[in-house]
Amino acid sequence: MDASANLPANLDVLLDVPVKITVELGACQMPMREVLHLAAGAVVQLDKVADTPVDLFVNHKRIARGEVVVVEDRFGIKITEILGPQPH
């Protein structure tokens, strides 16, 4: 089923507009002193546990959560939850 079939005709022009999709694996804070000492091979520990769902953003707006998967030699996201409207 084509999801665009339910859209008004004047919105059809927007369907080919590229959007930026990003995935947030986690974050951390560290003093600048530690950042300056990072080198190849250093490991930066993030604030999420390995099996915690990751957040998927479209143009900086969180729209879904999912699981990290590996497809051939690339990372991907298996969508597990589509989020509803978020308060601003």
Protein backbone atom coordinates (compact mmCIF):
# COMPACT_ATOMS: atom_id res chain seq x y z
CA MET A 1 0.00 0.00 0.00
CA ASP A 2 1.37 3.41 -0.99
CA ALA A 3 1.33 5.73 2.05
CA SER A 4 1.39 8.77 -0.24
CA ALA A 5 -2.01 7.78 -1.72
CA ASN A 6 -3.74 9.25 1.36
CA LEU A 7 -2.00 12.64 1.14
CA PRO A 8 -3.52 15.73 -0.45
CA ALA A 9 -2.14 16.38 -3.94
CA ASN A 10 -0.40 19.61 -2.91
CA LEU A 11 1.75 17.69 -0.39
CA ASP A 12 3.00 15.29 -3.07
CA VAL A 13 5.73 17.78 -4.02
CA LEU A 14 7.30 17.35 -0.56
CA LEU A 15 7.71 13.59 -0.75
CA ASP A 16 11.03 13.81 -2.61
CA VAL A 17 12.59 16.43 -0.30
CA PRO A 18 15.67 14.90 1.35
CA VAL A 19 15.77 14.82 5.16
CA LYS A 20 18.67 14.01 7.47
CA ILE A 21 18.25 10.82 9.51
CA THR A 22 20.53 10.32 12.50
CA VAL A 23 20.75 7.71 15.23
CA GLU A 24 21.91 8.47 18.75
CA LEU A 25 23.75 5.55 20.33
CA GLY A 26 24.42 7.39 23.56
CA ALA A 27 26.35 10.27 25.07
CA CYS A 28 28.79 11.06 27.83
CA GLN A 29 30.44 14.00 29.51
CA MET A 30 34.12 14.29 30.21
CA PRO A 31 36.47 17.08 31.10
CA MET A 32 38.29 18.78 28.22
CA ARG A 33 41.55 17.46 29.73
CA GLU A 34 40.40 13.88 29.00
CA VAL A 35 39.14 14.81 25.52
CA LEU A 36 42.57 16.21 24.65
CA HIS A 37 44.16 12.92 25.70
CA LEU A 38 41.99 10.79 23.39
CA ALA A 39 43.98 8.90 20.78
CA ALA A 40 43.44 6.14 18.24
CA GLY A 41 42.33 3.03 20.07
CA ALA A 42 40.81 4.93 23.01
CA VAL A 43 37.35 3.77 24.09
CA VAL A 44 34.75 6.33 25.13
CA GLN A 45 32.09 4.76 27.34
CA LEU A 46 28.56 5.97 26.58
CA ASP A 47 25.66 6.33 29.01
CA LYS A 48 23.49 3.58 27.48
CA VAL A 49 23.62 -0.14 28.10
CA ALA A 50 24.42 -2.15 24.95
CA ASP A 51 20.91 -3.61 24.54
CA THR A 52 19.04 -0.34 25.20
CA PRO A 53 17.01 0.92 22.22
CA VAL A 54 18.61 3.76 20.27
CA ASP A 55 16.81 6.93 19.19
CA LEU A 56 16.17 7.74 15.53
CA PHE A 57 15.87 11.40 14.54
CA VAL A 58 14.62 13.04 11.34
CA ASN A 59 15.97 16.59 11.05
CA HIS A 60 16.79 16.60 14.79
CA LYS A 61 13.28 15.47 15.82
CA ARG A 62 13.03 12.08 17.55
CA ILE A 63 10.50 9.95 15.70
CA ALA A 64 11.32 6.35 16.59
CA ARG A 65 13.38 3.90 18.62
CA GLY A 66 15.06 0.76 17.45
CA GLU A 67 17.75 -1.87 17.78
CA VAL A 68 21.18 -1.66 16.19
CA VAL A 69 21.70 -4.39 13.60
CA VAL A 70 24.54 -5.24 11.24
CA VAL A 71 23.70 -5.75 7.57
CA GLU A 72 26.70 -7.15 5.71
CA ASP A 73 29.45 -4.76 6.88
CA ARG A 74 27.26 -1.77 7.78
CA PHE A 75 25.21 -0.74 10.79
CA GLY A 76 21.46 -0.37 10.51
CA ILE A 77 18.47 0.22 12.74
CA LYS A 78 15.53 -2.16 13.15
CA ILE A 79 12.59 0.08 14.08
CA THR A 80 10.83 -1.25 17.19
CA GLU A 81 8.69 1.75 18.12
CA ILE A 82 7.27 4.75 16.26
CA LEU A 83 6.84 7.68 18.66
CA GLY A 84 3.73 9.84 18.75
CA PRO A 85 3.74 13.64 18.74
CA GLN A 86 6.20 15.09 21.26
CA PRO A 87 5.50 18.25 23.25
CA HIS A 88 7.79 21.14 22.31
